[in-house]
Amino acid sequence: MNGLLELLEESAAAIRARVPDAAPEVALVLGSGLAGAVRLLEDPRALPLADIPHVPTPSVSGHPGRLVFGRVGRLRLGVLQGRLHTYEGWSAAQTAFPVRLLITLGARVVVLTNASGGVREGLRAGDWMVITDQLNLSGKNPLEGPNDARVGPRFPDLSQAYDPGLRGLLLRAADAAGLPLQEGVYAMMSGPSYETPAEIRMLRTLGADAVGMSTVPEVIAAVHMGARVACLSCVTNAAAGLGGKLSHAEVEATAREAEDGGVRILRAFLDLLAGSAGPG
């Protein structure tokens, strides 16, 4: 029976057969409404997730389901254009598999983006927030089941899941781009229904600043494999009980409106990363 490492290596071999020089230093995951940020890439080469063995394909609007390889300046990137969610029926391990795959191909830095609902007072639709920590309230973990010690340890340390150095670079990048950047804790709920006002009051009591339905499995899996992780979240709406009626169309529309600012922050971040000690 194949272990996780064999599955990853089979997927990686299929990618290299189509894109021989696919060796990203940085993995970038584009969340709801942010797929257009792939325009950052020079000499892009795209591969549908459906063409890669062992990788499920997203079913949610705003998530095209492609891996795109290219460069931003001197950095080589692998971009996941559209992510998987557990509410689609995939396990937490399956949703994290594309990020694991990019790490297997060579990425040592993983930068995730997502859309979130603002829980903390003062967060407004269109704000960008760098995530400082997470609350996994989904009841799911990508490390459940047998552990392949060749991929990572049985009990990984998440005390600094979001790398402080990368977070500092994102703050500097936002400043260079002339954009404010909030900081806060992200809570993952399982979805796909939006939270109730009572649940939002609970999240606020627990210390959450924003809430969403993704990201946490990918972060856990990336840390498990020894990668450095950062996450940029677009606050697309006020959470339940703090604003009007919630809809996915609103999430996508707000993310599209805020996309230019997010792209500017990401570009400045990648420039700073390339000029620092590098992705390693």
Protein backbone atom coordinates (compact mmCIF):
# COMPACT_ATOMS: atom_id res chain seq x y z
CA MET A 1 0.00 0.00 0.00
CA ASN A 2 1.42 3.37 -1.02
CA GLY A 3 2.20 5.87 1.71
CA LEU A 4 1.77 9.62 1.50
CA LEU A 5 5.29 10.11 0.16
CA GLU A 6 4.66 7.74 -2.77
CA LEU A 7 1.42 9.54 -3.65
CA LEU A 8 3.18 12.91 -3.59
CA GLU A 9 6.05 11.62 -5.71
CA GLU A 10 3.64 10.17 -8.30
CA SER A 11 1.82 13.51 -8.54
CA ALA A 12 5.11 15.40 -8.75
CA ALA A 13 6.36 13.12 -11.53
CA ALA A 14 3.18 13.78 -13.54
CA ILE A 15 3.75 17.53 -13.21
CA ARG A 16 7.41 17.32 -14.21
CA ALA A 17 6.41 15.30 -17.28
CA ARG A 18 4.31 18.29 -18.42
CA VAL A 19 6.40 21.11 -16.92
CA PRO A 20 9.97 19.77 -16.73
CA ASP A 21 11.38 22.71 -14.80
CA ALA A 22 8.59 22.86 -12.19
CA ALA A 23 10.72 23.54 -9.11
CA PRO A 24 9.03 26.36 -7.16
CA GLU A 25 10.75 28.06 -4.27
CA VAL A 26 7.49 29.67 -3.12
CA ALA A 27 3.99 28.19 -3.10
CA LEU A 28 1.13 30.68 -3.42
CA VAL A 29 -2.48 29.67 -2.77
CA LEU A 30 -5.14 31.99 -4.21
CA GLY A 31 -8.48 32.00 -2.38
CA SER A 32 -12.02 33.17 -3.20
CA GLY A 33 -12.14 35.90 -5.83
CA LEU A 34 -8.33 36.23 -5.90
CA ALA A 35 -7.55 33.94 -8.84
CA GLY A 36 -6.59 36.97 -10.95
CA ALA A 37 -3.46 37.47 -8.86
CA VAL A 38 -1.86 34.86 -11.11
CA ARG A 39 -1.05 37.82 -13.40
CA LEU A 40 1.99 38.41 -11.20
CA LEU A 41 3.71 35.50 -12.92
CA GLU A 42 6.16 35.89 -15.78
CA ASP A 43 6.25 33.04 -18.35
CA PRO A 44 3.29 31.23 -16.75
CA ARG A 45 2.59 27.58 -17.53
CA ALA A 46 -0.73 26.21 -16.32
CA LEU A 47 -1.78 22.67 -15.55
CA PRO A 48 -5.37 21.68 -14.62
CA LEU A 49 -5.62 19.87 -11.30
CA ALA A 50 -7.74 17.29 -13.11
CA ASP A 51 -4.62 16.23 -15.04
CA ILE A 52 -2.62 15.45 -11.88
CA PRO A 53 -3.09 12.07 -10.19
CA HIS A 54 -4.34 11.99 -6.58
CA VAL A 55 -5.41 15.68 -6.68
CA PRO A 56 -9.14 16.46 -6.37
CA THR A 57 -10.62 19.41 -8.28
CA PRO A 58 -12.51 22.33 -6.68
CA SER A 59 -16.24 22.72 -7.30
CA VAL A 60 -16.74 26.22 -5.87
CA SER A 61 -17.23 29.38 -7.94
CA GLY A 62 -14.10 31.55 -7.96
CA HIS A 63 -11.75 28.56 -7.68
CA PRO A 64 -10.57 27.59 -11.21
CA GLY A 65 -8.58 24.54 -10.14
CA ARG A 66 -5.18 24.98 -11.80
CA LEU A 67 -1.52 24.87 -10.86
CA VAL A 68 0.43 27.64 -12.57
CA PHE A 69 4.21 27.79 -12.59
CA GLY A 70 6.29 30.86 -13.38
CA ARG A 71 8.59 33.53 -12.01
CA VAL A 72 8.19 36.78 -10.12
CA GLY A 73 11.54 38.51 -10.50
CA ARG A 74 14.16 35.92 -9.62
CA LEU A 75 11.80 33.77 -7.51
CA ARG A 76 10.24 30.62 -8.94
CA LEU A 77 6.60 30.20 -7.91
CA GLY A 78 3.99 27.47 -7.98
CA VAL A 79 0.52 28.99 -7.73
CA LEU A 80 -2.59 27.07 -6.73
CA GLN A 81 -5.34 28.96 -8.51
CA GLY A 82 -8.37 27.87 -6.53
CA ARG A 83 -8.36 25.66 -3.42
CA LEU A 84 -10.27 22.70 -2.06
CA HIS A 85 -12.58 22.85 0.95
CA THR A 86 -13.70 20.15 3.36
CA TYR A 87 -17.33 21.24 2.94
CA GLU A 88 -17.14 20.00 -0.66
CA GLY A 89 -16.80 16.51 0.76
CA TRP A 90 -13.00 16.24 0.69
CA SER A 91 -11.12 15.21 3.80
CA ALA A 92 -8.77 17.67 5.48
CA ALA A 93 -5.87 15.59 4.13
CA GLN A 94 -7.20 15.89 0.57
CA THR A 95 -7.66 19.65 0.84
CA ALA A 96 -4.05 20.00 1.99
CA PHE A 97 -2.61 17.68 -0.67
CA PRO A 98 -1.96 20.38 -3.34
CA VAL A 99 0.09 22.41 -0.84
CA ARG A 100 2.00 19.29 0.15
CA LEU A 101 2.62 18.70 -3.55
CA LEU A 102 4.11 22.15 -4.10
CA ILE A 103 6.39 21.57 -1.11
CA THR A 104 7.42 18.21 -2.58
CA LEU A 105 8.32 20.03 -5.80
CA GLY A 106 10.64 22.32 -3.84
CA ALA A 107 8.72 25.16 -2.16
CA ARG A 108 10.07 26.11 1.26
CA VAL A 109 7.76 29.11 1.73
CA VAL A 110 3.97 28.79 1.53
CA VAL A 111 1.89 31.96 1.19
CA LEU A 112 -1.84 31.45 1.48
CA THR A 113 -4.63 33.91 0.77
CA ASN A 114 -8.27 33.62 1.71
CA ALA A 115 -11.51 35.48 2.17
CA SER A 116 -12.82 35.90 5.69
CA GLY A 117 -15.63 37.43 7.69
CA GLY A 118 -14.69 40.15 10.13
CA VAL A 119 -15.39 39.21 13.75
CA ARG A 120 -13.43 41.91 15.52
CA GLU A 121 -15.03 45.33 15.73
CA GLY A 122 -13.38 47.78 13.37
CA LEU A 123 -12.63 45.31 10.58
CA ARG A 124 -14.36 46.41 7.39
CA ALA A 125 -15.14 44.78 4.07
CA GLY A 126 -12.13 45.22 1.80
CA ASP A 127 -9.55 45.26 4.61
CA TRP A 128 -6.47 43.07 4.30
CA MET A 129 -5.26 41.19 7.36
CA VAL A 130 -2.11 39.17 8.02
CA ILE A 131 -2.95 36.12 10.10
CA THR A 132 -0.99 35.75 13.31
CA ASP A 133 -2.51 32.52 14.64
CA GLN A 134 -5.45 30.19 14.12
CA LEU A 135 -8.34 28.45 15.87
CA ASN A 136 -9.21 25.08 14.33
CA LEU A 137 -12.91 24.75 15.11
CA SER A 138 -13.68 22.60 12.08
CA GLY A 139 -13.29 19.31 13.96
CA LYS A 140 -10.92 18.14 11.19
CA ASN A 141 -7.17 17.77 10.91
CA PRO A 142 -5.10 16.68 7.88
CA LEU A 143 -2.81 14.63 10.12
CA GLU A 144 -5.51 12.22 11.27
CA GLY A 145 -4.75 8.59 10.54
CA PRO A 146 -1.37 6.91 9.99
CA ASN A 147 1.63 9.25 9.91
CA ASP A 148 4.27 8.91 7.21
CA ALA A 149 7.40 9.85 9.16
CA ARG A 150 9.27 10.39 5.88
CA VAL A 151 7.00 13.41 5.26
CA GLY A 152 6.82 14.89 8.77
CA PRO A 153 6.64 14.13 12.51
CA ARG A 154 3.66 12.55 14.26
CA PHE A 155 3.24 15.58 16.55
CA PRO A 156 4.33 18.82 14.81
CA ASP A 157 4.73 22.01 16.85
CA LEU A 158 2.24 24.74 15.85
CA SER A 159 3.38 27.33 18.39
CA GLN A 160 4.66 29.48 15.51
CA ALA A 161 2.59 28.09 12.66
CA TYR A 162 2.61 31.52 10.98
CA ASP A 163 6.25 32.41 10.56
CA PRO A 164 7.07 35.70 12.38
CA GLY A 165 9.72 36.67 9.83
CA LEU A 166 7.34 36.26 6.90
CA ARG A 167 4.64 38.15 8.79
CA GLY A 168 7.08 41.01 9.26
CA LEU A 169 7.82 41.02 5.52
CA LEU A 170 4.10 41.21 4.75
CA LEU A 171 3.73 44.21 7.06
CA ARG A 172 6.69 45.90 5.37
CA ALA A 173 5.26 45.04 1.97
CA ALA A 174 1.90 46.63 2.78
CA ASP A 175 3.70 49.74 3.99
CA ALA A 176 5.72 49.86 0.75
CA ALA A 177 2.48 49.46 -1.23
CA GLY A 178 0.87 52.30 0.74
CA LEU A 179 -1.89 50.07 2.13
CA PRO A 180 -3.00 49.44 5.71
CA LEU A 181 -2.66 45.84 6.88
CA GLN A 182 -4.53 44.52 9.90
CA GLU A 183 -3.28 41.65 12.09
CA GLY A 184 -5.38 38.99 13.71
CA VAL A 185 -6.38 35.43 14.59
CA TYR A 186 -8.28 33.38 12.01
CA ALA A 187 -10.89 30.80 13.06
CA MET A 188 -11.88 27.98 10.74
CA MET A 189 -15.43 26.68 10.86
CA SER A 190 -16.47 23.71 8.76
CA GLY A 191 -19.14 25.48 6.67
CA PRO A 192 -20.65 25.63 4.11
CA SER A 193 -23.36 27.51 5.98
CA TYR A 194 -22.32 30.87 7.33
CA GLU A 195 -22.05 31.24 11.10
CA THR A 196 -24.96 32.26 13.31
CA PRO A 197 -24.81 35.46 15.38
CA ALA A 198 -24.43 33.30 18.50
CA GLU A 199 -21.45 31.52 16.96
CA ILE A 200 -19.85 34.84 16.10
CA ARG A 201 -20.26 35.98 19.71
CA MET A 202 -18.58 32.71 20.75
CA LEU A 203 -15.71 33.28 18.30
CA ARG A 204 -15.16 36.79 19.61
CA THR A 205 -15.03 35.43 23.17
CA LEU A 206 -12.47 32.83 22.07
CA GLY A 207 -10.23 35.51 20.59
CA ALA A 208 -10.96 35.24 16.87
CA ASP A 209 -10.63 38.35 14.72
CA ALA A 210 -11.88 36.78 11.48
CA VAL A 211 -13.59 33.56 10.42
CA GLY A 212 -13.57 31.41 7.31
CA MET A 213 -13.89 27.87 5.95
CA SER A 214 -10.39 27.09 4.66
CA THR A 215 -6.64 27.56 5.19
CA VAL A 216 -6.13 25.72 8.49
CA PRO A 217 -5.60 22.22 6.99
CA GLU A 218 -3.07 23.64 4.52
CA VAL A 219 -1.19 25.46 7.27
CA ILE A 220 -1.00 22.34 9.46
CA ALA A 221 0.22 20.20 6.54
CA ALA A 222 2.81 22.77 5.48
CA VAL A 223 4.21 23.06 9.01
CA HIS A 224 4.20 19.25 9.22
CA MET A 225 6.54 19.23 6.19
CA GLY A 226 8.82 21.93 7.60
CA ALA A 227 7.78 24.82 5.36
CA ARG A 228 7.52 28.44 6.48
CA VAL A 229 3.96 29.77 6.29
CA ALA A 230 2.29 33.17 5.93
CA CYS A 231 -1.31 34.07 5.17
CA LEU A 232 -2.96 37.19 3.80
CA SER A 233 -6.71 37.38 4.39
CA CYS A 234 -9.19 39.65 2.64
CA VAL A 235 -12.02 40.62 4.96
CA THR A 236 -14.95 40.46 2.56
CA ASN A 237 -17.86 41.02 4.92
CA ALA A 238 -18.87 41.65 8.49
CA ALA A 239 -19.72 38.35 10.17
CA ALA A 240 -23.27 37.32 11.08
CA GLY A 241 -25.04 39.71 13.40
CA LEU A 242 -22.58 42.52 12.60
CA GLY A 243 -23.89 43.52 9.17
CA GLY A 244 -26.40 42.60 6.49
CA LYS A 245 -27.33 39.29 4.89
CA LEU A 246 -24.36 37.11 3.89
CA SER A 247 -23.79 35.60 0.44
CA HIS A 248 -20.96 34.02 -1.55
CA ALA A 249 -21.63 36.50 -4.35
CA GLU A 250 -20.84 39.32 -1.91
CA VAL A 251 -17.63 37.55 -0.86
CA GLU A 252 -16.48 37.22 -4.48
CA ALA A 253 -17.44 40.78 -5.39
CA THR A 254 -15.60 42.32 -2.43
CA ALA A 255 -12.54 40.16 -3.06
CA ARG A 256 -12.45 41.28 -6.69
CA GLU A 257 -12.68 44.94 -5.63
CA ALA A 258 -9.85 44.45 -3.12
CA GLU A 259 -7.76 42.28 -5.43
CA ASP A 260 -5.56 45.07 -6.78
CA GLY A 261 -4.44 45.96 -3.25
CA GLY A 262 -3.73 42.33 -2.45
CA VAL A 263 -1.69 41.91 -5.63
CA ARG A 264 0.36 45.01 -4.75
CA ILE A 265 1.08 43.64 -1.27
CA LEU A 266 2.04 40.23 -2.65
CA ARG A 267 4.34 41.74 -5.28
CA ALA A 268 6.11 43.90 -2.70
CA PHE A 269 6.35 40.89 -0.37
CA LEU A 270 7.96 38.73 -3.05
CA ASP A 271 10.44 41.51 -3.86
CA LEU A 272 11.36 41.74 -0.17
CA LEU A 273 11.62 37.96 0.13
CA ALA A 274 13.94 37.79 -2.86
CA GLY A 275 16.11 40.54 -1.34
CA SER A 276 16.27 38.91 2.10
CA ALA A 277 17.95 35.65 2.95
CA GLY A 278 15.60 34.01 0.46
CA PRO A 279 12.83 31.43 0.79
CA GLY A 280 14.88 28.87 2.71
